[in-house]
Amino acid sequence: QAVSVDPFNVTNLFLNYTVRGDSFLRGTKFRFAINNLLDQHNIVGVVPFSTKSNAPAAGDILTLVPARSISITMTFGYAPAR
């Protein structure tokens, strides 16, 4: 039997910036990301302890949404002299 899982939402935040102008960094991109902004730990999967019943049991294995993560990425642009 399948175990039903309640629907959920995950809120992420992404900020991007591209360097413009005559700087040696022209074309370089900075990316800042926060995944799971609200740090919610929703259940996304359940492996039941017993195949005879789908009632909650102490031995059930739960799969949760991972905790908040933050990343910063810098992609260098190639900008030869004009």
PDB file of N, CA and C in Angstrom:
ATOM      1  N   GLN A   1       0.828  -1.186   0.000  1.00  0.00           N
ATOM      2  CA  GLN A   1       0.000   0.000   0.000  1.00  0.00           C
ATOM      3  C   GLN A   1       0.869   1.245   0.000  1.00  0.00           C
ATOM      4  N   ALA A   2       0.402   2.247  -0.700  1.00  0.00           N
ATOM      5  CA  ALA A   2       1.111   3.527  -0.728  1.00  0.00           C
ATOM      6  C   ALA A   2       0.721   4.367   0.482  1.00  0.00           C
ATOM      7  N   VAL A   3       1.665   5.103   0.998  1.00  0.00           N
ATOM      8  CA  VAL A   3       1.415   6.016   2.110  1.00  0.00           C
ATOM      9  C   VAL A   3       1.291   7.416   1.522  1.00  0.00           C
ATOM     10  N   SER A   4       0.190   8.081   1.821  1.00  0.00           N
ATOM     11  CA  SER A   4      -0.013   9.419   1.258  1.00  0.00           C
ATOM     12  C   SER A   4       0.856  10.449   1.984  1.00  0.00           C
ATOM     13  N   VAL A   5       1.300  11.440   1.217  1.00  0.00           N
ATOM     14  CA  VAL A   5       2.123  12.524   1.751  1.00  0.00           C
ATOM     15  C   VAL A   5       1.403  13.828   1.445  1.00  0.00           C
ATOM     16  N   ASP A   6       1.286  14.697   2.450  1.00  0.00           N
ATOM     17  CA  ASP A   6       0.620  15.986   2.255  1.00  0.00           C
ATOM     18  C   ASP A   6       1.415  16.859   1.285  1.00  0.00           C
ATOM     19  N   PRO A   7       0.720  17.649   0.461  1.00  0.00           N
ATOM     20  CA  PRO A   7       1.436  18.570  -0.437  1.00  0.00           C
ATOM     21  C   PRO A   7       2.162  19.658   0.359  1.00  0.00           C
ATOM     22  N   PHE A   8       3.208  20.218  -0.238  1.00  0.00           N
ATOM     23  CA  PHE A   8       3.989  21.250   0.444  1.00  0.00           C
ATOM     24  C   PHE A   8       4.620  22.174  -0.588  1.00  0.00           C
ATOM     25  N   ASN A   9       5.091  23.320  -0.139  1.00  0.00           N
ATOM     26  CA  ASN A   9       5.803  24.286  -0.969  1.00  0.00           C
ATOM     27  C   ASN A   9       7.182  24.528  -0.378  1.00  0.00           C
ATOM     28  N   VAL A  10       8.137  24.826  -1.254  1.00  0.00           N
ATOM     29  CA  VAL A  10       9.480  25.199  -0.821  1.00  0.00           C
ATOM     30  C   VAL A  10       9.766  26.586  -1.388  1.00  0.00           C
ATOM     31  N   THR A  11      10.191  27.517  -0.528  1.00  0.00           N
ATOM     32  CA  THR A  11      10.488  28.885  -0.950  1.00  0.00           C
ATOM     33  C   THR A  11      11.997  29.045  -1.121  1.00  0.00           C
ATOM     34  N   ASN A  12      12.406  29.482  -2.319  1.00  0.00           N
ATOM     35  CA  ASN A  12      13.811  29.724  -2.629  1.00  0.00           C
ATOM     36  C   ASN A  12      13.999  31.189  -2.997  1.00  0.00           C
ATOM     37  N   LEU A  13      15.227  31.686  -2.872  1.00  0.00           N
ATOM     38  CA  LEU A  13      15.544  33.067  -3.235  1.00  0.00           C
ATOM     39  C   LEU A  13      16.802  33.055  -4.095  1.00  0.00           C
ATOM     40  N   PHE A  14      16.748  33.759  -5.232  1.00  0.00           N
ATOM     41  CA  PHE A  14      17.893  33.855  -6.129  1.00  0.00           C
ATOM     42  C   PHE A  14      18.131  35.316  -6.481  1.00  0.00           C
ATOM     43  N   LEU A  15      19.366  35.791  -6.328  1.00  0.00           N
ATOM     44  CA  LEU A  15      19.755  37.141  -6.717  1.00  0.00           C
ATOM     45  C   LEU A  15      20.937  37.029  -7.677  1.00  0.00           C
ATOM     46  N   ASN A  16      20.854  37.734  -8.805  1.00  0.00           N
ATOM     47  CA  ASN A  16      21.904  37.689  -9.821  1.00  0.00           C
ATOM     48  C   ASN A  16      22.352  39.102 -10.154  1.00  0.00           C
ATOM     49  N   TYR A  17      23.637  39.248 -10.468  1.00  0.00           N
ATOM     50  CA  TYR A  17      24.166  40.547 -10.883  1.00  0.00           C
ATOM     51  C   TYR A  17      25.248  40.304 -11.932  1.00  0.00           C
ATOM     52  N   THR A  18      25.197  41.071 -13.020  1.00  0.00           N
ATOM     53  CA  THR A  18      26.210  41.011 -14.069  1.00  0.00           C
ATOM     54  C   THR A  18      26.954  42.338 -14.103  1.00  0.00           C
ATOM     55  N   VAL A  19      28.291  42.274 -14.057  1.00  0.00           N
ATOM     56  CA  VAL A  19      29.116  43.485 -14.081  1.00  0.00           C
ATOM     57  C   VAL A  19      29.104  44.069 -15.490  1.00  0.00           C
ATOM     58  N   ARG A  20      28.839  45.351 -15.580  1.00  0.00           N
ATOM     59  CA  ARG A  20      28.826  46.066 -16.863  1.00  0.00           C
ATOM     60  C   ARG A  20      29.882  47.175 -16.819  1.00  0.00           C
ATOM     61  N   GLY A  21      30.086  47.853 -17.932  1.00  0.00           N
ATOM     62  CA  GLY A  21      31.005  48.986 -17.966  1.00  0.00           C
ATOM     63  C   GLY A  21      32.359  48.583 -18.499  1.00  0.00           C
ATOM     64  N   ASP A  22      33.369  49.392 -18.179  1.00  0.00           N
ATOM     65  CA  ASP A  22      34.718  49.185 -18.720  1.00  0.00           C
ATOM     66  C   ASP A  22      35.663  48.531 -17.719  1.00  0.00           C
ATOM     67  N   SER A  23      35.139  47.865 -16.730  1.00  0.00           N
ATOM     68  CA  SER A  23      35.952  47.202 -15.720  1.00  0.00           C
ATOM     69  C   SER A  23      36.570  45.928 -16.297  1.00  0.00           C
ATOM     70  N   PHE A  24      37.673  45.482 -15.695  1.00  0.00           N
ATOM     71  CA  PHE A  24      38.263  44.209 -16.117  1.00  0.00           C
ATOM     72  C   PHE A  24      37.350  43.035 -15.760  1.00  0.00           C
ATOM     73  N   LEU A  25      36.360  43.259 -14.897  1.00  0.00           N
ATOM     74  CA  LEU A  25      35.385  42.220 -14.536  1.00  0.00           C
ATOM     75  C   LEU A  25      34.148  42.234 -15.443  1.00  0.00           C
ATOM     76  N   ARG A  26      34.167  43.042 -16.515  1.00  0.00           N
ATOM     77  CA  ARG A  26      33.005  43.162 -17.396  1.00  0.00           C
ATOM     78  C   ARG A  26      32.557  41.766 -17.859  1.00  0.00           C
ATOM     79  N   GLY A  27      31.264  41.510 -17.730  1.00  0.00           N
ATOM     80  CA  GLY A  27      30.693  40.222 -18.127  1.00  0.00           C
ATOM     81  C   GLY A  27      30.700  39.179 -17.021  1.00  0.00           C
ATOM     82  N   THR A  28      31.315  39.488 -15.882  1.00  0.00           N
ATOM     83  CA  THR A  28      31.343  38.551 -14.759  1.00  0.00           C
ATOM     84  C   THR A  28      29.977  38.544 -14.074  1.00  0.00           C
ATOM     85  N   LYS A  29      29.521  37.346 -13.707  1.00  0.00           N
ATOM     86  CA  LYS A  29      28.203  37.199 -13.078  1.00  0.00           C
ATOM     87  C   LYS A  29      28.362  36.700 -11.646  1.00  0.00           C
ATOM     88  N   PHE A  30      27.614  37.322 -10.755  1.00  0.00           N
ATOM     89  CA  PHE A  30      27.546  36.895  -9.358  1.00  0.00           C
ATOM     90  C   PHE A  30      26.148  36.346  -9.112  1.00  0.00           C
ATOM     91  N   ARG A  31      26.061  35.186  -8.482  1.00  0.00           N
ATOM     92  CA  ARG A  31      24.765  34.580  -8.168  1.00  0.00           C
ATOM     93  C   ARG A  31      24.742  34.211  -6.684  1.00  0.00           C
ATOM     94  N   PHE A  32      23.676  34.609  -6.020  1.00  0.00           N
ATOM     95  CA  PHE A  32      23.471  34.316  -4.597  1.00  0.00           C
ATOM     96  C   PHE A  32      22.160  33.563  -4.487  1.00  0.00           C
ATOM     97  N   ALA A  33      22.179  32.390  -3.873  1.00  0.00           N
ATOM     98  CA  ALA A  33      20.977  31.564  -3.785  1.00  0.00           C
ATOM     99  C   ALA A  33      20.768  31.076  -2.357  1.00  0.00           C
ATOM    100  N   ILE A  34      19.514  31.088  -1.938  1.00  0.00           N
ATOM    101  CA  ILE A  34      19.118  30.480  -0.667  1.00  0.00           C
ATOM    102  C   ILE A  34      18.000  29.497  -0.988  1.00  0.00           C
ATOM    103  N   ASN A  35      18.250  28.227  -0.732  1.00  0.00           N
ATOM    104  CA  ASN A  35      17.240  27.196  -0.934  1.00  0.00           C
ATOM    105  C   ASN A  35      16.576  26.888   0.400  1.00  0.00           C
ATOM    106  N   ASN A  36      15.264  26.655   0.363  1.00  0.00           N
ATOM    107  CA  ASN A  36      14.467  26.416   1.566  1.00  0.00           C
ATOM    108  C   ASN A  36      14.597  27.609   2.520  1.00  0.00           C
ATOM    109  N   LEU A  37      14.265  28.773   1.998  1.00  0.00           N
ATOM    110  CA  LEU A  37      14.405  30.048   2.715  1.00  0.00           C
ATOM    111  C   LEU A  37      13.747  30.027   4.093  1.00  0.00           C
ATOM    112  N   LEU A  38      12.587  29.410   4.211  1.00  0.00           N
ATOM    113  CA  LEU A  38      11.845  29.388   5.475  1.00  0.00           C
ATOM    114  C   LEU A  38      12.254  28.224   6.378  1.00  0.00           C
ATOM    115  N   ASP A  39      13.220  27.418   5.933  1.00  0.00           N
ATOM    116  CA  ASP A  39      13.767  26.294   6.708  1.00  0.00           C
ATOM    117  C   ASP A  39      12.678  25.335   7.191  1.00  0.00           C
ATOM    118  N   GLN A  40      11.806  24.926   6.273  1.00  0.00           N
ATOM    119  CA  GLN A  40      10.750  23.972   6.604  1.00  0.00           C
ATOM    120  C   GLN A  40      11.256  22.551   6.364  1.00  0.00           C
ATOM    121  N   HIS A  41      10.874  21.636   7.212  1.00  0.00           N
ATOM    122  CA  HIS A  41      11.294  20.244   7.097  1.00  0.00           C
ATOM    123  C   HIS A  41      10.072  19.371   6.834  1.00  0.00           C
ATOM    124  N   ASN A  42       9.535  19.477   5.624  1.00  0.00           N
ATOM    125  CA  ASN A  42       8.340  18.723   5.253  1.00  0.00           C
ATOM    126  C   ASN A  42       8.685  17.276   4.925  1.00  0.00           C
ATOM    127  N   ILE A  43       7.720  16.405   5.137  1.00  0.00           N
ATOM    128  CA  ILE A  43       7.882  14.993   4.803  1.00  0.00           C
ATOM    129  C   ILE A  43       7.616  14.826   3.312  1.00  0.00           C
ATOM    130  N   VAL A  44       8.593  14.262   2.584  1.00  0.00           N
ATOM    131  CA  VAL A  44       8.425  14.052   1.147  1.00  0.00           C
ATOM    132  C   VAL A  44       8.302  12.575   0.785  1.00  0.00           C
ATOM    133  N   GLY A  45       8.571  11.700   1.733  1.00  0.00           N
ATOM    134  CA  GLY A  45       8.442  10.273   1.472  1.00  0.00           C
ATOM    135  C   GLY A  45       8.388   9.484   2.766  1.00  0.00           C
ATOM    136  N   VAL A  46       7.692   8.348   2.711  1.00  0.00           N
ATOM    137  CA  VAL A  46       7.564   7.474   3.884  1.00  0.00           C
ATOM    138  C   VAL A  46       7.746   6.031   3.434  1.00  0.00           C
ATOM    139  N   VAL A  47       8.641   5.316   4.113  1.00  0.00           N
ATOM    140  CA  VAL A  47       8.769   3.872   3.919  1.00  0.00           C
ATOM    141  C   VAL A  47       8.201   3.237   5.179  1.00  0.00           C
ATOM    142  N   PRO A  48       7.027   2.586   5.056  1.00  0.00           N
ATOM    143  CA  PRO A  48       6.388   2.037   6.262  1.00  0.00           C
ATOM    144  C   PRO A  48       7.180   0.874   6.860  1.00  0.00           C
ATOM    145  N   PHE A  49       7.129   0.772   8.182  1.00  0.00           N
ATOM    146  CA  PHE A  49       7.792  -0.311   8.911  1.00  0.00           C
ATOM    147  C   PHE A  49       7.127  -1.644   8.596  1.00  0.00           C
ATOM    148  N   SER A  50       5.811  -1.620   8.486  1.00  0.00           N
ATOM    149  CA  SER A  50       5.045  -2.843   8.237  1.00  0.00           C
ATOM    150  C   SER A  50       4.302  -2.723   6.913  1.00  0.00           C
ATOM    151  N   THR A  51       4.322  -3.789   6.130  1.00  0.00           N
ATOM    152  CA  THR A  51       3.560  -3.801   4.875  1.00  0.00           C
ATOM    153  C   THR A  51       2.114  -4.221   5.109  1.00  0.00           C
ATOM    154  N   LYS A  52       1.787  -4.619   6.316  1.00  0.00           N
ATOM    155  CA  LYS A  52       0.430  -5.072   6.627  1.00  0.00           C
ATOM    156  C   LYS A  52      -0.529  -3.914   6.884  1.00  0.00           C
ATOM    157  N   SER A  53       0.029  -2.753   7.311  1.00  0.00           N
ATOM    158  CA  SER A  53      -0.810  -1.617   7.677  1.00  0.00           C
ATOM    159  C   SER A  53      -0.120  -0.316   7.271  1.00  0.00           C
ATOM    160  N   ASN A  54      -0.942   0.688   6.955  1.00  0.00           N
ATOM    161  CA  ASN A  54      -0.342   1.992   6.656  1.00  0.00           C
ATOM    162  C   ASN A  54      -0.514   2.967   7.822  1.00  0.00           C
ATOM    163  N   ALA A  55      -0.826   2.443   9.002  1.00  0.00           N
ATOM    164  CA  ALA A  55      -0.917   3.279  10.202  1.00  0.00           C
ATOM    165  C   ALA A  55       0.496   3.708  10.611  1.00  0.00           C
ATOM    166  N   PRO A  56       0.660   4.927  11.129  1.00  0.00           N
ATOM    167  CA  PRO A  56       1.987   5.378  11.563  1.00  0.00           C
ATOM    168  C   PRO A  56       2.570   4.445  12.624  1.00  0.00           C
ATOM    169  N   ALA A  57       3.861   4.149  12.499  1.00  0.00           N
ATOM    170  CA  ALA A  57       4.539   3.266  13.445  1.00  0.00           C
ATOM    171  C   ALA A  57       5.907   3.853  13.774  1.00  0.00           C
ATOM    172  N   ALA A  58       6.466   3.434  14.896  1.00  0.00           N
ATOM    173  CA  ALA A  58       7.757   3.961  15.348  1.00  0.00           C
ATOM    174  C   ALA A  58       8.890   3.591  14.399  1.00  0.00           C
ATOM    175  N   GLY A  59       8.758   2.529  13.635  1.00  0.00           N
ATOM    176  CA  GLY A  59       9.826   2.084  12.742  1.00  0.00           C
ATOM    177  C   GLY A  59       9.747   2.647  11.334  1.00  0.00           C
ATOM    178  N   ASP A  60       8.780   3.511  11.055  1.00  0.00           N
ATOM    179  CA  ASP A  60       8.663   4.111   9.720  1.00  0.00           C
ATOM    180  C   ASP A  60       9.903   4.956   9.410  1.00  0.00           C
ATOM    181  N   ILE A  61      10.323   4.930   8.155  1.00  0.00           N
ATOM    182  CA  ILE A  61      11.455   5.750   7.721  1.00  0.00           C
ATOM    183  C   ILE A  61      10.905   6.945   6.953  1.00  0.00           C
ATOM    184  N   LEU A  62      11.207   8.150   7.449  1.00  0.00           N
ATOM    185  CA  LEU A  62      10.717   9.379   6.834  1.00  0.00           C
ATOM    186  C   LEU A  62      11.824  10.035   6.018  1.00  0.00           C
ATOM    187  N   THR A  63      11.463  10.562   4.853  1.00  0.00           N
ATOM    188  CA  THR A  63      12.374  11.364   4.046  1.00  0.00           C
ATOM    189  C   THR A  63      11.898  12.804   4.139  1.00  0.00           C
ATOM    190  N   LEU A  64      12.782  13.698   4.589  1.00  0.00           N
ATOM    191  CA  LEU A  64      12.424  15.099   4.809  1.00  0.00           C
ATOM    192  C   LEU A  64      13.128  16.005   3.806  1.00  0.00           C
ATOM    193  N   VAL A  65      12.554  17.206   3.600  1.00  0.00           N
ATOM    194  CA  VAL A  65      13.207  18.232   2.794  1.00  0.00           C
ATOM    195  C   VAL A  65      14.469  18.657   3.539  1.00  0.00           C
ATOM    196  N   PRO A  66      15.612  18.789   2.841  1.00  0.00           N
ATOM    197  CA  PRO A  66      16.831  19.202   3.533  1.00  0.00           C
ATOM    198  C   PRO A  66      16.724  20.606   4.120  1.00  0.00           C
ATOM    199  N   ALA A  67      17.586  20.915   5.053  1.00  0.00           N
ATOM    200  CA  ALA A  67      17.587  22.229   5.709  1.00  0.00           C
ATOM    201  C   ALA A  67      18.000  23.327   4.735  1.00  0.00           C
ATOM    202  N   ARG A  68      17.940  24.552   5.200  1.00  0.00           N
ATOM    203  CA  ARG A  68      18.299  25.715   4.381  1.00  0.00           C
ATOM    204  C   ARG A  68      19.748  25.592   3.910  1.00  0.00           C
ATOM    205  N   SER A  69      19.991  25.994   2.663  1.00  0.00           N
ATOM    206  CA  SER A  69      21.352  26.026   2.134  1.00  0.00           C
ATOM    207  C   SER A  69      21.581  27.346   1.413  1.00  0.00           C
ATOM    208  N   ILE A  70      22.816  27.808   1.467  1.00  0.00           N
ATOM    209  CA  ILE A  70      23.191  29.081   0.850  1.00  0.00           C
ATOM    210  C   ILE A  70      24.368  28.828  -0.078  1.00  0.00           C
ATOM    211  N   SER A  71      24.319  29.437  -1.271  1.00  0.00           N
ATOM    212  CA  SER A  71      25.447  29.308  -2.191  1.00  0.00           C
ATOM    213  C   SER A  71      25.721  30.637  -2.879  1.00  0.00           C
ATOM    214  N   ILE A  72      27.003  30.869  -3.151  1.00  0.00           N
ATOM    215  CA  ILE A  72      27.443  32.046  -3.891  1.00  0.00           C
ATOM    216  C   ILE A  72      28.293  31.541  -5.049  1.00  0.00           C
ATOM    217  N   THR A  73      27.973  32.006  -6.255  1.00  0.00           N
ATOM    218  CA  THR A  73      28.684  31.582  -7.451  1.00  0.00           C
ATOM    219  C   THR A  73      29.196  32.809  -8.195  1.00  0.00           C
ATOM    220  N   MET A  74      30.429  32.711  -8.677  1.00  0.00           N
ATOM    221  CA  MET A  74      30.999  33.784  -9.492  1.00  0.00           C
ATOM    222  C   MET A  74      31.469  33.164 -10.795  1.00  0.00           C
ATOM    223  N   THR A  75      30.914  33.637 -11.909  1.00  0.00           N
ATOM    224  CA  THR A  75      31.288  33.147 -13.229  1.00  0.00           C
ATOM    225  C   THR A  75      32.029  34.271 -13.936  1.00  0.00           C
ATOM    226  N   PHE A  76      33.303  34.048 -14.226  1.00  0.00           N
ATOM    227  CA  PHE A  76      34.114  35.092 -14.841  1.00  0.00           C
ATOM    228  C   PHE A  76      33.744  35.270 -16.307  1.00  0.00           C
ATOM    229  N   GLY A  77      33.656  36.528 -16.717  1.00  0.00           N
ATOM    230  CA  GLY A  77      33.392  36.849 -18.108  1.00  0.00           C
ATOM    231  C   GLY A  77      34.692  37.196 -18.810  1.00  0.00           C
ATOM    232  N   TYR A  78      34.768  36.865 -20.092  1.00  0.00           N
ATOM    233  CA  TYR A  78      35.940  37.218 -20.887  1.00  0.00           C
ATOM    234  C   TYR A  78      35.622  38.500 -21.624  1.00  0.00           C
ATOM    235  N   ALA A  79      36.357  39.560 -21.337  1.00  0.00           N
ATOM    236  CA  ALA A  79      36.084  40.865 -21.930  1.00  0.00           C
ATOM    237  C   ALA A  79      37.387  41.469 -22.445  1.00  0.00           C
ATOM    238  N   PRO A  80      37.762  41.136 -23.681  1.00  0.00           N
ATOM    239  CA  PRO A  80      38.992  41.719 -24.223  1.00  0.00           C
ATOM    240  C   PRO A  80      38.851  43.232 -24.385  1.00  0.00           C
ATOM    241  N   ALA A  81      39.972  43.913 -24.430  1.00  0.00           N
ATOM    242  CA  ALA A  81      39.956  45.382 -24.557  1.00  0.00           C
ATOM    243  C   ALA A  81      39.233  45.794 -25.830  1.00  0.00           C
ATOM    244  N   ARG A  82      38.515  46.899 -25.728  1.00  0.00           N
ATOM    245  CA  ARG A  82      37.761  47.379 -26.892  1.00  0.00           C
ATOM    246  C   ARG A  82      38.618  48.260 -27.748  1.00  0.00           C
TER     247      ARG A  82
END
